[in-house]
Amino acid sequence: MNPTPEHPELDQLSADLGGLLGRIGLDPGGERPERRDRIDIRFATAAARHPVRIAARDPEEQATYLELDWLADEIARKLSGRTGPGHAVAVRARRSCMSAGAVVGTLRSGAAVLPLEPGHNAGLQEFLMRDAGASLVLSDSGLLRDEIPVAKAGPFVLATRPRSAVVRRELPEEAAFLALPSGGHPGRALSVDPVTHGDVLAWVDSIVPLLEAGPQEVWTAFHSLSLDLGMREIWGPLLSGGLAVVVDGDTGADAREFAELLEDEQVTVLTQLPSGLARLTGAAARGTTLPALRHVLLSDEPVEERVPAAWKASGIAPWAVVWEVSGSPTVL
């Protein structure tokens, strides 16, 4: 649209429209707009459909889809010119309703996310950042020695790392996350592996339709984002318009408190390691019932037959279907 001094609102409308088309993966200037399948684009679509719906809730606060999208936009602007495709940004986020906004904002800048647990010791965090080639840190839980703050976005501080601490690593442009591999061996240094947008979205696209999950669902966000399971489970709700209930570390460590949270929040989709479900079964059997729970998703560990059998026998969640979702989803 040509400049129209007498109608500046039309220029603003044109700019807003161009920005929206670009965010959801369409190039307004191209003859054949191209759809890009990325987590941040999928989230923008969900936010456009459900702007005032609560997207995530933690024990202290909650955030709507629009509020998370605003935070993501602010973070992407602060990262602009500092990072991009092929690079990683370390996101040191506490388990809160705002952490997804930091992840989406980083992805929107084109960079991949290296999720860090604030409770991990500084030496481990620095090793992971060096391994990932991360020169920038986005944190809502403090900075490590020699990290220099350069900007702020919502509750997050953007900081640079010393050049001497950064070993350049070229990442695949389609990388979304850098995850710690599951398992590991004592005494052996762990390294981070790229997980692509396609990897995460393939899981979401296999699970959400199978569960017939939509905006009415209440999911748990239980696991650390630094783990493959954690980065998959959070996008089940947030890309389908549902609610993600963020489980803090203390509640997650106490099976009885976790069972009470599931009951209070009327959770309908629960993702757990099989060992976690075994602990939850014992705790919940002492009085908790979960009639709202529709699906239990087990992943990332071998499933012993006794675990789902004990869960079903307890009668805790009489309507819940138990799935094994590490590979092709299977009803147990």
Foldseek 3Di string as FASTA:
>chain_A
DDDDVVCVVVVVVVVVVQVLCVLLQFHPPDPDTDGDQFLLNLLSVLCVVFVAAWAEAEPPGTDGSVRLCQLLCQLLVVCAPVDAFQAEEEEAEAQGNNSVSNLSSCVVNLHAYEYDHPPDDPVLVLVACQLRQHQKYWYLRDDDPQWAFDDDGVSITITGHDPVSGDRGGDHSQFHYWAWDPDDDPPDRTYTDTDGRVNLVVLLVQPCVVLVDAQDAEEEQEDGCNHPVNVNRSSNRSSRNYYYYGYHPVCLVQLLSVLVVCQVVLHAEYEDALVSLQNNLVNCLVPAARQSHAEYEHEDDDHDPVSVVSNCVSNRHVRYFYWYRHDNIDTD
